[in-house]
C-alpha cells in the first residue's frame, strides 16, 4: 500500500482523477440546476443533458481509443484536459454575452475529449506500471469515482447555490487546469519506432476489431460487461418503487437507499485495494457477480427496511469489485498497441446495454411486478457467471500473445 502511494505515476494519475471528478460533478449539477431554472423544469431540456453526456460515449469511444493508440499517452491526456478547460472558459464568455443554451456544449465537448483521454490513461497504466500495481491502481481509481458518486451531488449543489453559474464555470475550468498540472508530473512517453507507412485511422479501427475478435478473453469480457449493463440498467430507475411499494415509505427515503448503495461502493473499492494481488482476479469477479445476483434478488423480495438496506449495501459493495476485476483482466490480456481500441470498444458495450434497459424499464414495469423485474436482473448476473468461468486460467499478466499482436 505504501509503495502504491509513493509511485509517481499513480499519484499523478489519481491527482488528475480527483480534480477531473470534482470538476465534472460541479459541472453536471451546475448545468442541471441552471437548466431547471431557465426552462421551468422542462423534461426535454433536462433529457438533453443526458444525451450530451452519454451520446459521445457511444459514438466516439472506439474512435477515441484508436486515436489514443496512435498518439503518445501523456501528451494526449494533457491536451484533452487543456482543451476541456478552454472550452469551459469559452462557454463562460458566451454565457456572458450570448444565449444560455450554449451551456449544453460544455458537457458535450468535455465528454468527447474524455473519449480520447480515458483510453490514454489506461495506456499509461499498461506502459509504465508493473503488473503488481495494476489492480490496486484501478481499485484506487474506482474508489475515487465511488466517493464522488456520494459527495459529488452535494458538492455540485452547494457550489452552484453559493457561487451561481458564472463563478461555478470559472471554478470548473480551473479544476480541469489543475488536472493538467497533475499530469505534467508523469514520466515522458516512451519513444516509439517511426513507421514508414502508418495505416490510416479506418484501417486501424478494422485491425482493432480483428484483434478483439481473435482474443477469447476480450470477447468474454465484452459479453460480461454487456450483461452487467443490461442487469443494472433494468433496475436502476426502479429504486423509488422499492421504497414506495415494497417498503411502504415516502419517496424521500430513496436518498437513504442511494447513500447506503454509494457507501457500499466506496467500501468495495477499498476492499479491492486491500485484497489486490492476494486474491485472484477470477475469484473476485466470480464471487462478486454471484453475490450481486443474490443481493438484487433479495432487494426485489424484501419488505423489511433493514434487510433491503443490507442488500443495497452488498449490491453497492460488489459493483466496483466487478468493474475493477474486468478492467484488470482486460488490461492484463491486451497488448499495449491495442489498449485504446479495446477499451474504446468494450466500455461502450456496458454503457450502451445499461442505457437500453434504462429506456425500457418503465415499460417493463407496466407489464411485470417489481419482484419479477429484480429477479430477471438477478438472472442476468447469473448468466454472466457462465462467461466468467472460462476466464479462470486467463487473468494473469502472462497471457499476452505478443507474436499475434505484432502480426497485425
Protein backbone atom coordinates (compact mmCIF):
# COMPACT_ATOMS: atom_id res chain seq x y z
CA UNK A 1 0.00 0.00 0.00
CA UNK A 2 2.80 2.44 0.92
CA UNK A 3 4.64 1.53 -2.29
CA UNK A 4 1.46 2.34 -4.19
CA UNK A 5 1.17 5.80 -2.64
CA UNK A 6 4.85 6.50 -3.32
CA UNK A 7 4.53 5.68 -7.01
CA UNK A 8 4.88 8.87 -9.05
CA UNK A 9 2.66 7.68 -11.90
CA UNK A 10 -0.17 6.58 -9.64
CA UNK A 11 -0.06 9.79 -7.58
CA UNK A 12 -0.12 11.91 -10.73
CA UNK A 13 -2.99 9.98 -12.33
CA UNK A 14 -5.01 9.90 -9.10
CA UNK A 15 -4.44 13.63 -8.59
CA UNK A 16 -5.72 14.25 -12.11
CA UNK A 17 -8.71 11.96 -11.48
CA UNK A 18 -9.56 13.85 -8.27
CA UNK A 19 -9.61 17.26 -9.98
CA UNK A 20 -11.49 15.90 -13.00
CA UNK A 21 -14.16 14.21 -10.88
CA UNK A 22 -14.60 17.34 -8.79
CA UNK A 23 -14.88 19.47 -11.93
CA UNK A 24 -17.25 17.06 -13.68
CA UNK A 25 -19.67 16.80 -10.74
CA UNK A 26 -19.73 20.57 -10.23
CA UNK A 27 -20.30 20.96 -13.99
CA UNK A 28 -23.09 18.37 -14.09
CA UNK A 29 -25.06 19.91 -11.24
CA UNK A 30 -24.38 23.48 -12.31
CA UNK A 31 -25.81 22.69 -15.74
CA UNK A 32 -28.71 20.64 -14.32
CA UNK A 33 -29.82 23.28 -11.81
CA UNK A 34 -29.29 26.13 -14.26
CA UNK A 35 -31.34 24.40 -16.98
CA UNK A 36 -34.10 23.64 -14.46
CA UNK A 37 -34.26 27.34 -13.56
CA UNK A 38 -34.15 28.57 -17.15
CA UNK A 39 -36.72 26.12 -18.58
CA UNK A 40 -39.04 25.81 -15.58
CA UNK A 41 -38.23 22.08 -15.21
CA UNK A 42 -38.73 21.26 -18.91
CA UNK A 43 -38.18 17.47 -19.17
CA UNK A 44 -36.95 17.64 -22.77
CA UNK A 45 -34.27 20.22 -21.90
CA UNK A 46 -33.21 18.13 -18.89
CA UNK A 47 -33.00 14.97 -21.03
CA UNK A 48 -30.69 16.81 -23.45
CA UNK A 49 -28.12 16.91 -20.65
CA UNK A 50 -28.05 13.11 -20.53
CA UNK A 51 -27.81 12.94 -24.33
CA UNK A 52 -24.83 15.31 -24.26
CA UNK A 53 -23.23 13.17 -21.53
CA UNK A 54 -23.81 9.66 -22.85
CA UNK A 55 -24.10 10.22 -26.61
CA UNK A 56 -20.36 10.81 -27.21
CA UNK A 57 -19.51 7.66 -25.23
CA UNK A 58 -21.45 5.52 -27.69
CA UNK A 59 -20.38 7.44 -30.81
CA UNK A 60 -16.77 8.47 -30.22
CA UNK A 61 -15.42 5.90 -27.75
CA UNK A 62 -13.90 3.46 -30.26
CA UNK A 63 -12.55 6.26 -32.46
CA UNK A 64 -11.12 7.94 -29.37
CA UNK A 65 -9.47 4.67 -28.38
CA UNK A 66 -7.89 4.35 -31.83
CA UNK A 67 -6.55 7.90 -31.57
CA UNK A 68 -5.14 7.11 -28.12
CA UNK A 69 -3.29 4.15 -29.65
CA UNK A 70 -1.81 6.40 -32.34
CA UNK A 71 -0.77 9.28 -30.08
CA UNK A 72 1.51 9.50 -27.06
CA UNK A 73 -0.42 8.97 -23.83
CA UNK A 74 0.93 11.83 -21.69
CA UNK A 75 0.57 14.48 -24.38
CA UNK A 76 -2.87 13.18 -25.32
CA UNK A 77 -4.17 13.41 -21.73
CA UNK A 78 -2.69 16.87 -21.20
CA UNK A 79 -4.11 18.24 -24.44
CA UNK A 80 -7.57 16.74 -23.84
CA UNK A 81 -7.85 18.21 -20.32
CA UNK A 82 -6.43 21.54 -21.51
CA UNK A 83 -8.95 21.73 -24.36
CA UNK A 84 -11.75 20.81 -21.92
CA UNK A 85 -10.67 23.75 -19.72
CA UNK A 86 -10.51 26.12 -22.71
CA UNK A 87 -13.97 25.03 -23.87
CA UNK A 88 -15.37 25.75 -20.39
CA UNK A 89 -13.85 29.25 -20.35
CA UNK A 90 -15.16 29.97 -23.87
CA UNK A 91 -18.65 28.84 -22.86
CA UNK A 92 -18.38 31.09 -19.79
CA UNK A 93 -17.68 34.06 -22.07
CA UNK A 94 -20.55 33.06 -24.35
CA UNK A 95 -22.92 32.88 -21.37
CA UNK A 96 -21.99 36.46 -20.52
CA UNK A 97 -22.81 37.83 -23.96
CA UNK A 98 -24.95 35.22 -25.73
CA UNK A 99 -27.57 32.50 -25.35
CA UNK A 100 -27.71 30.32 -22.24
CA UNK A 101 -28.39 27.25 -24.44
CA UNK A 102 -24.69 27.05 -25.27
CA UNK A 103 -24.26 25.53 -21.80
CA UNK A 104 -25.08 22.08 -23.25
CA UNK A 105 -21.85 22.28 -25.26
CA UNK A 106 -19.82 22.15 -22.05
CA UNK A 107 -20.90 18.58 -21.31
CA UNK A 108 -20.75 17.54 -24.96
CA UNK A 109 -17.20 18.81 -25.64
CA UNK A 110 -15.81 17.61 -22.31
CA UNK A 111 -17.25 14.12 -22.85
CA UNK A 112 -15.85 13.95 -26.39
CA UNK A 113 -12.36 14.88 -25.16
CA UNK A 114 -12.61 12.27 -22.39
CA UNK A 115 -13.18 9.53 -25.00
CA UNK A 116 -9.56 10.06 -26.04
CA UNK A 117 -8.17 10.93 -22.61
CA UNK A 118 -9.54 7.90 -20.72
CA UNK A 119 -8.04 5.21 -23.00
CA UNK A 120 -4.79 7.20 -22.98
CA UNK A 121 -4.72 6.96 -19.17
CA UNK A 122 -5.36 3.19 -19.41
CA UNK A 123 -2.45 3.02 -21.86
CA UNK A 124 -0.32 4.88 -19.29
CA UNK A 125 -1.17 2.19 -16.69
CA UNK A 126 -0.20 -0.54 -19.13
CA UNK A 127 3.00 1.12 -20.32
CA UNK A 128 4.54 2.36 -17.09
CA UNK A 129 3.18 0.28 -14.20
CA UNK A 130 4.47 -3.07 -13.00
CA UNK A 131 1.87 -5.84 -13.10
CA UNK A 132 1.57 -5.92 -9.29
CA UNK A 133 0.45 -2.28 -9.28
CA UNK A 134 -2.26 -2.58 -11.95
CA UNK A 135 -5.12 -4.00 -9.88
CA UNK A 136 -4.59 -1.78 -6.79
CA UNK A 137 -4.22 1.28 -9.05
CA UNK A 138 -7.53 0.50 -10.77
CA UNK A 139 -9.09 -0.07 -7.32
CA UNK A 140 -7.82 3.29 -6.08
CA UNK A 141 -9.19 4.96 -9.20
CA UNK A 142 -12.58 3.28 -8.69
CA UNK A 143 -12.66 4.33 -5.02
CA UNK A 144 -12.23 7.98 -6.01
CA UNK A 145 -15.08 7.65 -8.52
CA UNK A 146 -17.33 5.94 -5.93
CA UNK A 147 -16.57 8.63 -3.32
CA UNK A 148 -17.64 11.36 -5.72
CA UNK A 149 -20.83 9.46 -6.55
CA UNK A 150 -21.85 10.22 -2.95
CA UNK A 151 -20.16 13.57 -2.39
CA UNK A 152 -20.36 14.90 -5.96
CA UNK A 153 -24.09 15.82 -5.97
CA UNK A 154 -23.74 17.51 -2.57
CA UNK A 155 -20.64 19.49 -3.60
CA UNK A 156 -22.10 20.40 -7.00
CA UNK A 157 -25.35 21.66 -5.48
CA UNK A 158 -23.58 23.70 -2.78
CA UNK A 159 -21.17 25.29 -5.27
CA UNK A 160 -23.99 26.31 -7.61
CA UNK A 161 -26.19 27.68 -4.85
CA UNK A 162 -23.30 29.64 -3.31
CA UNK A 163 -21.46 30.88 -6.42
CA UNK A 164 -24.03 30.80 -9.22
CA UNK A 165 -23.48 29.71 -12.81
CA UNK A 166 -20.72 32.14 -13.83
CA UNK A 167 -18.31 31.62 -10.95
CA UNK A 168 -19.05 27.89 -11.00
CA UNK A 169 -17.87 27.70 -14.61
CA UNK A 170 -14.67 29.55 -13.74
CA UNK A 171 -14.08 27.03 -10.95
CA UNK A 172 -14.75 24.08 -13.32
CA UNK A 173 -12.22 25.37 -15.86
CA UNK A 174 -9.66 25.92 -13.10
CA UNK A 175 -10.12 22.34 -11.84
CA UNK A 176 -9.50 20.99 -15.35
CA UNK A 177 -6.30 23.06 -15.49
CA UNK A 178 -5.23 21.58 -12.13
CA UNK A 179 -5.70 18.17 -13.71
CA UNK A 180 -3.32 19.25 -16.48
CA UNK A 181 -0.83 20.35 -13.81
CA UNK A 182 -1.01 16.91 -12.16
CA UNK A 183 -0.38 15.19 -15.48
CA UNK A 184 2.80 17.20 -16.06
CA UNK A 185 4.46 15.10 -13.35
CA UNK A 186 4.00 11.91 -15.38
CA UNK A 187 7.14 10.44 -16.97
CA UNK A 188 7.64 11.28 -20.62
CA UNK A 189 6.16 8.92 -23.18
CA UNK A 190 8.42 6.20 -24.50
CA UNK A 191 9.78 6.97 -27.94
CA UNK A 192 8.25 4.66 -30.47
CA UNK A 193 9.85 3.42 -33.67
CA UNK A 194 8.83 5.61 -36.58
CA UNK A 195 6.77 3.63 -39.06
CA UNK A 196 7.41 4.39 -42.74
CA UNK A 197 3.77 3.81 -43.70
CA UNK A 198 1.37 4.16 -40.82
CA UNK A 199 -2.10 2.74 -41.59
CA UNK A 200 -4.98 5.20 -41.79
CA UNK A 201 -7.45 5.53 -38.94
CA UNK A 202 -10.17 3.40 -40.51
CA UNK A 203 -7.72 0.56 -41.16
CA UNK A 204 -6.59 0.74 -37.53
CA UNK A 205 -10.23 0.53 -36.42
CA UNK A 206 -10.68 -2.59 -38.56
CA UNK A 207 -7.47 -4.11 -37.16
CA UNK A 208 -8.75 -3.36 -33.65
CA UNK A 209 -11.97 -5.26 -34.35
CA UNK A 210 -9.96 -8.21 -35.68
CA UNK A 211 -7.74 -8.23 -32.61
CA UNK A 212 -10.70 -8.32 -30.21
CA UNK A 213 -12.48 -10.97 -32.28
CA UNK A 214 -9.41 -13.23 -32.11
CA UNK A 215 -8.91 -12.84 -28.34
CA UNK A 216 -11.20 -15.18 -26.42
CA UNK A 217 -10.61 -13.35 -23.12
CA UNK A 218 -11.67 -9.99 -24.57
CA UNK A 219 -14.79 -11.44 -26.18
CA UNK A 220 -15.81 -12.98 -22.85
CA UNK A 221 -15.18 -9.69 -21.04
CA UNK A 222 -17.27 -7.85 -23.60
CA UNK A 223 -20.17 -10.23 -23.06
CA UNK A 224 -19.82 -9.93 -19.26
CA UNK A 225 -19.80 -6.14 -19.41
CA UNK A 226 -22.85 -6.13 -21.71
CA UNK A 227 -24.86 -8.48 -19.48
CA UNK A 228 -23.92 -6.47 -16.38
CA UNK A 229 -25.08 -3.31 -18.15
CA UNK A 230 -28.42 -4.91 -19.02
CA UNK A 231 -28.92 -6.09 -15.44
CA UNK A 232 -28.01 -2.77 -13.82
CA UNK A 233 -29.97 -0.60 -16.26
CA UNK A 234 -33.14 -2.67 -15.81
CA UNK A 235 -33.39 -1.91 -12.08
CA UNK A 236 -31.60 1.43 -11.77
CA UNK A 237 -34.68 3.65 -12.34
CA UNK A 238 -36.90 1.45 -10.15
CA UNK A 239 -35.35 2.07 -6.72
CA UNK A 240 -38.04 4.63 -5.97
CA UNK A 241 -40.68 1.88 -6.38
CA UNK A 242 -38.75 -0.32 -3.93
CA UNK A 243 -39.20 2.48 -1.39
CA UNK A 244 -42.85 3.19 -2.17
CA UNK A 245 -44.26 -0.27 -2.98
CA UNK A 246 -42.06 -2.75 -1.11
CA UNK A 247 -41.20 -0.73 1.99
CA UNK A 248 -44.34 1.48 2.08
CA UNK A 249 -42.24 4.55 2.82
CA UNK A 250 -42.21 8.08 1.45
CA UNK A 251 -40.20 8.60 -1.74
CA UNK A 252 -37.79 10.85 0.21
CA UNK A 253 -36.34 7.65 1.74
CA UNK A 254 -34.80 6.98 -1.68
CA UNK A 255 -31.90 9.26 -0.70
CA UNK A 256 -31.08 6.91 2.20
CA UNK A 257 -31.17 3.94 -0.14
CA UNK A 258 -28.80 5.63 -2.59
CA UNK A 259 -26.49 6.77 0.22
CA UNK A 260 -26.18 3.19 1.52
CA UNK A 261 -25.50 1.96 -2.00
CA UNK A 262 -22.84 4.63 -2.52
CA UNK A 263 -21.23 3.81 0.82
CA UNK A 264 -21.06 0.17 -0.28
CA UNK A 265 -19.29 1.26 -3.49
CA UNK A 266 -16.63 3.12 -1.51
CA UNK A 267 -16.09 0.11 0.76
CA UNK A 268 -15.95 -2.14 -2.32
CA UNK A 269 -13.19 -0.02 -3.80
CA UNK A 270 -11.24 -0.10 -0.54
CA UNK A 271 -11.70 -3.89 -0.24
CA UNK A 272 -10.37 -4.35 -3.78
CA UNK A 273 -7.40 -2.17 -2.88
CA UNK A 274 -6.61 -4.26 0.21
CA UNK A 275 -7.01 -7.72 -1.36
CA UNK A 276 -5.34 -6.81 -4.66
CA UNK A 277 -2.68 -9.41 -5.55
CA UNK A 278 -3.82 -11.54 -2.57
CA UNK A 279 -6.96 -12.99 -4.16
CA UNK A 280 -7.05 -13.96 -7.84
CA UNK A 281 -8.95 -11.62 -10.10
CA UNK A 282 -11.05 -14.51 -11.39
CA UNK A 283 -12.23 -15.46 -7.89
CA UNK A 284 -13.00 -11.82 -7.05
CA UNK A 285 -15.04 -11.42 -10.22
CA UNK A 286 -16.89 -14.72 -9.87
CA UNK A 287 -17.74 -14.25 -6.18
CA UNK A 288 -18.84 -10.62 -6.58
CA UNK A 289 -21.15 -11.38 -9.53
CA UNK A 290 -22.84 -14.26 -7.66
CA UNK A 291 -23.19 -12.09 -4.54
CA UNK A 292 -24.64 -9.26 -6.65
CA UNK A 293 -27.26 -11.62 -8.10
CA UNK A 294 -28.23 -12.67 -4.57
CA UNK A 295 -28.42 -9.06 -3.34
CA UNK A 296 -30.58 -7.95 -6.29
CA UNK A 297 -32.92 -10.88 -5.74
CA UNK A 298 -33.29 -10.01 -2.03
CA UNK A 299 -33.96 -6.33 -2.84
CA UNK A 300 -36.83 -7.40 -5.09
CA UNK A 301 -38.43 -9.67 -2.49
CA UNK A 302 -37.73 -7.76 0.73
CA UNK A 303 -40.46 -5.88 2.60
CA UNK A 304 -38.25 -5.20 5.63
CA UNK A 305 -36.23 -1.98 5.72
CA UNK A 306 -33.03 -3.28 7.34
CA UNK A 307 -32.85 -6.29 5.00
CA UNK A 308 -33.29 -4.03 1.95
CA UNK A 309 -30.60 -1.64 3.22
CA UNK A 310 -28.22 -4.54 3.84
CA UNK A 311 -28.84 -5.92 0.35
CA UNK A 312 -28.33 -2.43 -1.15
CA UNK A 313 -25.00 -2.15 0.68
CA UNK A 314 -23.86 -5.55 -0.66
CA UNK A 315 -25.03 -4.57 -4.16
CA UNK A 316 -23.00 -1.36 -3.97
CA UNK A 317 -20.04 -3.23 -2.48
CA UNK A 318 -19.87 -5.70 -5.37
CA UNK A 319 -20.27 -3.32 -8.33
CA UNK A 320 -16.81 -1.70 -8.09
CA UNK A 321 -15.21 -5.12 -7.50
CA UNK A 322 -16.82 -6.36 -10.73
CA UNK A 323 -15.63 -3.30 -12.68
CA UNK A 324 -12.13 -3.42 -11.19
CA UNK A 325 -11.80 -7.16 -11.91
CA UNK A 326 -13.00 -6.84 -15.50
CA UNK A 327 -10.72 -3.85 -16.16
CA UNK A 328 -7.76 -5.70 -14.61
CA UNK A 329 -8.28 -8.77 -16.80
CA UNK A 330 -8.76 -6.51 -19.81
CA UNK A 331 -5.54 -4.64 -19.14
CA UNK A 332 -3.50 -7.78 -18.50
CA UNK A 333 -4.77 -9.57 -21.59
CA UNK A 334 -4.40 -6.73 -24.09
CA UNK A 335 -1.24 -5.88 -25.95
CA UNK A 336 -0.02 -2.32 -25.42
CA UNK A 337 -0.60 -1.45 -29.10
CA UNK A 338 -4.34 -2.14 -28.79
CA UNK A 339 -5.18 -0.78 -25.31
CA UNK A 340 -7.06 2.27 -26.60
CA UNK A 341 -9.18 0.43 -29.14
CA UNK A 342 -10.02 -2.44 -26.78
CA UNK A 343 -11.00 -0.04 -24.00
CA UNK A 344 -12.86 2.12 -26.51
CA UNK A 345 -14.97 -0.79 -27.76
CA UNK A 346 -15.68 -2.77 -24.58
CA UNK A 347 -16.58 0.19 -22.34
CA UNK A 348 -19.47 1.36 -24.59
CA UNK A 349 -20.88 -2.17 -24.53
CA UNK A 350 -21.56 -1.66 -20.81
CA UNK A 351 -22.85 1.89 -21.22
CA UNK A 352 -24.99 1.08 -24.26
CA UNK A 353 -26.53 -2.01 -22.64
CA UNK A 354 -27.32 -0.06 -19.49
CA UNK A 355 -28.93 2.82 -21.42
CA UNK A 356 -31.02 0.32 -23.42
CA UNK A 357 -32.58 -1.29 -20.35
CA UNK A 358 -32.95 2.07 -18.57
CA UNK A 359 -35.08 3.22 -21.53
CA UNK A 360 -37.35 0.15 -21.41
CA UNK A 361 -37.50 -0.36 -17.63
CA UNK A 362 -40.57 1.88 -17.30
CA UNK A 363 -42.45 -0.10 -19.96
CA UNK A 364 -41.41 -3.38 -18.36
CA UNK A 365 -42.70 -2.09 -15.01
CA UNK A 366 -46.15 -1.59 -16.58
CA UNK A 367 -46.34 -5.29 -17.50
CA UNK A 368 -44.39 -7.10 -14.77
CA UNK A 369 -44.27 -6.91 -10.99
CA UNK A 370 -41.36 -5.30 -9.20
CA UNK A 371 -40.34 -8.69 -7.80
CA UNK A 372 -40.24 -10.23 -11.29
CA UNK A 373 -38.10 -7.43 -12.72
CA UNK A 374 -35.50 -7.71 -9.97
CA UNK A 375 -35.39 -11.50 -10.39
CA UNK A 376 -34.80 -11.04 -14.13
CA UNK A 377 -31.92 -8.71 -13.30
CA UNK A 378 -30.51 -11.30 -10.89
CA UNK A 379 -30.76 -13.96 -13.62
CA UNK A 380 -28.78 -11.69 -15.97
CA UNK A 381 -25.96 -11.61 -13.42
CA UNK A 382 -26.07 -15.40 -13.09
CA UNK A 383 -25.87 -15.74 -16.89
CA UNK A 384 -22.72 -13.59 -16.75
CA UNK A 385 -21.17 -16.25 -14.49
CA UNK A 386 -21.26 -18.68 -17.44
CA UNK A 387 -18.93 -16.37 -19.37
CA UNK A 388 -16.69 -15.70 -16.37
CA UNK A 389 -15.86 -19.36 -15.72
CA UNK A 390 -13.67 -19.79 -18.87
CA UNK A 391 -11.53 -16.87 -17.68
CA UNK A 392 -10.16 -18.95 -14.81
CA UNK A 393 -6.76 -19.51 -16.37
CA UNK A 394 -6.64 -16.22 -18.23
CA UNK A 395 -6.49 -13.48 -15.59
CA UNK A 396 -2.73 -13.22 -15.29
CA UNK A 397 -0.27 -10.93 -16.91
CA UNK A 398 1.49 -13.72 -18.81
CA UNK A 399 -1.33 -14.27 -21.23
CA UNK A 400 -0.30 -11.78 -23.89
CA UNK A 401 0.03 -13.23 -27.32
CA UNK A 402 2.68 -10.76 -28.39
CA UNK A 403 3.58 -12.55 -31.57
CA UNK A 404 -0.02 -12.44 -32.70
CA UNK A 405 -0.29 -8.76 -31.70
CA UNK A 406 2.82 -7.88 -33.67
CA UNK A 407 1.44 -9.61 -36.75
CA UNK A 408 -1.36 -7.06 -37.14
